[in-house]
């Protein structure tokens, strides 16, 4: 009888540990409890870069990039066009997310998001943890799709797509455009990075450092 009670207690203990770990794993994938868009935090500042165009200049910038790294939102087509730069991103373990299309494109093509995720997975072997549309808009149907794929939607409180570097303050998530039409000079971007003490998006949002899996 005593032996049976001990075995039962041990089994309950193992189950509790499993439940706790499962909750921790879930929190790593979903930073919110419902399909909300992350825009601003309370601790530190985070630099994010929306990348859909560029080769030689981007390759040089990635090569010279130093920690703390920005969070790179990569366009799926750019990923396919730039395998050598993607390899370098992976080798340096730079955090990445998926830069989607304009929000209206998902209304016209309901399967577009799945196609973009598949293209991302082909290079990074995992579903992206972070997601953003190119026009920073998230219709309700798209929110549901993103949520079902266990991705976190990220907008920004400060946008830099033209002109001089913006002012930033505690809690800001800064997005920098590297597109064909709207494109910040990478020299100015490097200067901007060195001027400010940026931290990871987890630290800006929640005040703690964590290792999130972006790829093996």
Protein backbone atom coordinates (compact mmCIF):
# COMPACT_ATOMS: atom_id res chain seq x y z
CA UNK A 1 0.00 0.00 0.00
CA UNK A 2 2.78 2.39 0.95
CA UNK A 3 4.63 1.56 -2.26
CA UNK A 4 1.52 2.29 -4.32
CA UNK A 5 1.10 5.71 -2.66
CA UNK A 6 4.75 6.60 -3.39
CA UNK A 7 4.37 5.60 -7.05
CA UNK A 8 1.18 7.69 -7.31
CA UNK A 9 2.89 10.76 -5.81
CA UNK A 10 5.86 10.41 -8.16
CA UNK A 11 3.50 10.15 -11.15
CA UNK A 12 1.64 13.29 -10.08
CA UNK A 13 4.94 15.14 -9.66
CA UNK A 14 6.03 14.18 -13.19
CA UNK A 15 2.67 15.29 -14.63
CA UNK A 16 2.94 18.68 -12.88
CA UNK A 17 6.44 19.21 -14.27
CA UNK A 18 5.23 18.36 -17.77
CA UNK A 19 2.31 20.81 -17.51
CA UNK A 20 4.60 23.58 -16.27
CA UNK A 21 7.09 22.98 -19.11
CA UNK A 22 4.28 22.92 -21.65
CA UNK A 23 3.08 26.32 -20.40
CA UNK A 24 6.62 27.70 -20.68
CA UNK A 25 6.97 26.37 -24.23
CA UNK A 26 3.66 27.95 -25.18
CA UNK A 27 4.72 31.33 -23.77
CA UNK A 28 7.84 31.22 -25.93
CA UNK A 29 5.74 30.91 -29.07
CA UNK A 30 2.89 33.23 -28.13
CA UNK A 31 3.69 36.48 -26.41
CA UNK A 32 0.01 37.43 -26.09
CA UNK A 33 -3.03 35.47 -24.95
CA UNK A 34 -5.10 36.49 -27.96
CA UNK A 35 -4.42 37.71 -31.53
CA UNK A 36 -3.07 41.16 -30.63
CA UNK A 37 -0.46 43.29 -32.40
CA UNK A 38 2.68 44.14 -30.43
CA UNK A 39 3.53 47.81 -30.95
CA UNK A 40 5.45 49.15 -27.94
CA UNK A 41 7.02 47.89 -24.75
CA UNK A 42 8.06 49.35 -21.41
CA UNK A 43 11.74 48.43 -21.17
CA UNK A 44 14.58 49.44 -23.45
CA UNK A 45 14.28 49.92 -27.22
CA UNK A 46 14.28 47.41 -30.05
CA UNK A 47 15.49 47.87 -33.62
CA UNK A 48 13.73 45.93 -36.37
CA UNK A 49 14.56 45.98 -40.08
CA UNK A 50 12.07 45.25 -42.89
CA UNK A 51 14.12 43.72 -45.70
CA UNK A 52 12.69 43.01 -49.15
CA UNK A 53 15.40 44.32 -51.49
CA UNK A 54 19.18 44.49 -51.62
CA UNK A 55 22.15 42.23 -52.23
CA UNK A 56 25.74 43.48 -52.19
CA UNK A 57 25.09 46.34 -49.77
CA UNK A 58 22.98 44.11 -47.51
CA UNK A 59 25.62 41.36 -47.62
CA UNK A 60 28.28 43.85 -46.49
CA UNK A 61 26.03 45.19 -43.74
CA UNK A 62 25.22 41.70 -42.44
CA UNK A 63 28.92 40.79 -42.49
CA UNK A 64 29.84 43.84 -40.41
CA UNK A 65 26.81 43.65 -38.13
CA UNK A 66 27.65 43.43 -34.43
CA UNK A 67 25.63 42.46 -31.37
CA UNK A 68 23.11 43.35 -30.15
CA UNK A 69 21.55 42.34 -33.46
CA UNK A 70 18.34 43.90 -34.78
CA UNK A 71 15.33 41.70 -35.48
CA UNK A 72 15.24 41.19 -39.25
CA UNK A 73 11.85 40.83 -40.93
CA UNK A 74 12.63 39.05 -44.20
CA UNK A 75 10.43 39.03 -47.27
CA UNK A 76 9.82 35.47 -48.53
CA UNK A 77 10.81 36.27 -52.13
CA UNK A 78 13.97 37.99 -50.92
CA UNK A 79 14.86 34.88 -48.90
CA UNK A 80 14.64 32.74 -52.05
CA UNK A 81 16.75 35.22 -54.03
CA UNK A 82 19.46 35.54 -51.38
CA UNK A 83 20.59 32.07 -50.18
CA UNK A 84 24.17 33.13 -49.43
CA UNK A 85 23.08 36.09 -47.29
CA UNK A 86 20.53 33.90 -45.53
CA UNK A 87 23.31 31.41 -44.76
CA UNK A 88 25.34 34.22 -43.20
CA UNK A 89 22.33 35.35 -41.12
CA UNK A 90 21.95 31.81 -39.81
CA UNK A 91 25.66 31.44 -39.05
CA UNK A 92 25.63 34.66 -37.02
CA UNK A 93 22.36 33.61 -35.33
CA UNK A 94 20.69 36.93 -36.11
CA UNK A 95 17.02 36.85 -35.01
CA UNK A 96 14.57 36.80 -37.89
CA UNK A 97 10.87 37.08 -38.57
CA UNK A 98 8.65 36.93 -41.66
CA UNK A 99 7.89 40.14 -43.55
CA UNK A 100 4.57 39.51 -45.24
CA UNK A 101 2.93 41.22 -48.19
CA UNK A 102 0.56 44.18 -48.08
CA UNK A 103 -2.54 43.32 -46.05
CA UNK A 104 -4.93 43.58 -49.02
CA UNK A 105 -3.03 40.83 -50.82
CA UNK A 106 -4.25 38.31 -48.25
CA UNK A 107 -7.87 39.20 -49.02
CA UNK A 108 -7.29 38.46 -52.71
CA UNK A 109 -5.17 35.34 -52.01
CA UNK A 110 -6.29 33.49 -48.86
CA UNK A 111 -3.48 30.92 -49.21
CA UNK A 112 -0.74 33.54 -49.52
CA UNK A 113 0.32 33.43 -45.87
CA UNK A 114 0.75 29.65 -45.94
CA UNK A 115 2.87 29.98 -49.08
CA UNK A 116 5.10 32.60 -47.43
CA UNK A 117 5.51 30.48 -44.30
CA UNK A 118 6.48 27.49 -46.46
CA UNK A 119 9.13 29.58 -48.22
CA UNK A 120 10.47 30.77 -44.87
CA UNK A 121 10.58 27.21 -43.52
CA UNK A 122 12.52 26.01 -46.55
CA UNK A 123 15.45 28.21 -45.47
CA UNK A 124 15.08 28.35 -41.67
CA UNK A 125 13.53 24.93 -40.92
CA UNK A 126 10.87 26.39 -38.62
CA UNK A 127 7.77 28.57 -38.60
CA UNK A 128 8.74 32.19 -37.88
CA UNK A 129 8.09 33.41 -34.37
CA UNK A 130 7.58 37.03 -35.49
CA UNK A 131 5.42 38.38 -38.32
CA UNK A 132 4.73 41.79 -39.85
CA UNK A 133 2.95 42.99 -43.01
CA UNK A 134 4.63 45.47 -45.32
CA UNK A 135 1.92 48.07 -44.78
CA UNK A 136 1.73 47.47 -41.01
CA UNK A 137 -1.96 46.56 -41.22
CA UNK A 138 -3.53 43.41 -39.77
CA UNK A 139 -7.13 42.65 -40.86
CA UNK A 140 -9.08 40.38 -38.53
CA UNK A 141 -8.99 37.35 -40.84
CA UNK A 142 -5.24 37.72 -41.20
CA UNK A 143 -4.87 38.00 -37.43
CA UNK A 144 -6.64 34.67 -37.04
CA UNK A 145 -4.39 33.03 -39.65
CA UNK A 146 -1.24 34.35 -37.99
CA UNK A 147 -2.47 33.20 -34.58
CA UNK A 148 -3.25 29.70 -35.87
CA UNK A 149 0.33 29.45 -37.10
CA UNK A 150 1.68 30.43 -33.64
CA UNK A 151 3.32 33.62 -34.83
CA UNK A 152 3.42 36.96 -33.00
CA UNK A 153 2.26 40.05 -34.90
CA UNK A 154 4.67 42.98 -34.54
CA UNK A 155 4.10 46.55 -35.64
CA UNK A 156 6.22 49.49 -34.47
CA UNK A 157 5.91 52.72 -32.52
CA UNK A 158 8.59 54.46 -34.63
CA UNK A 159 8.89 54.08 -38.42
CA UNK A 160 11.96 55.15 -40.40
CA UNK A 161 11.51 54.89 -44.16
CA UNK A 162 12.86 58.23 -45.42
CA UNK A 163 14.86 61.23 -44.24
CA UNK A 164 16.89 61.64 -41.08
CA UNK A 165 17.07 59.22 -38.19
CA UNK A 166 14.06 59.47 -35.84
CA UNK A 167 14.07 60.23 -32.14
CA UNK A 168 13.46 57.22 -29.93
CA UNK A 169 12.51 56.67 -26.32
CA UNK A 170 12.15 53.87 -23.79
CA UNK A 171 9.76 51.16 -24.93
CA UNK A 172 9.95 51.96 -28.64
CA UNK A 173 9.97 49.29 -31.34
CA UNK A 174 11.66 50.92 -34.32
CA UNK A 175 11.11 49.67 -37.88
CA UNK A 176 13.57 50.55 -40.63
CA UNK A 177 12.68 50.13 -44.31
CA UNK A 178 15.01 48.39 -46.75
CA UNK A 179 12.79 48.15 -49.83
CA UNK A 180 13.31 49.01 -53.48
CA UNK A 181 11.36 52.27 -53.25
CA UNK A 182 11.66 53.20 -49.58
CA UNK A 183 15.17 52.55 -48.41
CA UNK A 184 17.35 53.90 -45.61
CA UNK A 185 21.05 54.31 -46.33
CA UNK A 186 22.87 51.49 -44.55
CA UNK A 187 25.63 53.84 -43.43
CA UNK A 188 23.04 55.98 -41.64
CA UNK A 189 21.48 52.85 -40.19
CA UNK A 190 24.84 51.70 -38.78
CA UNK A 191 25.38 55.11 -37.19
CA UNK A 192 21.87 54.96 -35.72
CA UNK A 193 22.55 51.49 -34.27
CA UNK A 194 25.76 52.64 -32.57
CA UNK A 195 24.09 55.74 -31.14
CA UNK A 196 21.43 53.83 -29.19
CA UNK A 197 21.49 50.91 -26.77
CA UNK A 198 19.02 48.58 -28.43
CA UNK A 199 17.94 45.30 -26.81
CA UNK A 200 16.00 42.21 -27.89
CA UNK A 201 12.27 42.51 -28.50
CA UNK A 202 11.57 40.20 -25.54
CA UNK A 203 13.48 42.51 -23.24
CA UNK A 204 11.67 45.60 -24.54
CA UNK A 205 8.25 43.97 -24.20
CA UNK A 206 8.68 42.04 -20.97
CA UNK A 207 11.85 43.24 -19.30
CA UNK A 208 13.77 39.97 -19.44
CA UNK A 209 16.28 38.33 -21.74
CA UNK A 210 15.43 35.02 -23.33
CA UNK A 211 16.65 32.71 -26.05
CA UNK A 212 13.88 32.27 -28.61
CA UNK A 213 14.27 29.69 -31.32
CA UNK A 214 14.36 31.25 -34.75
CA UNK A 215 16.20 28.42 -36.49
CA UNK A 216 18.45 25.51 -35.48
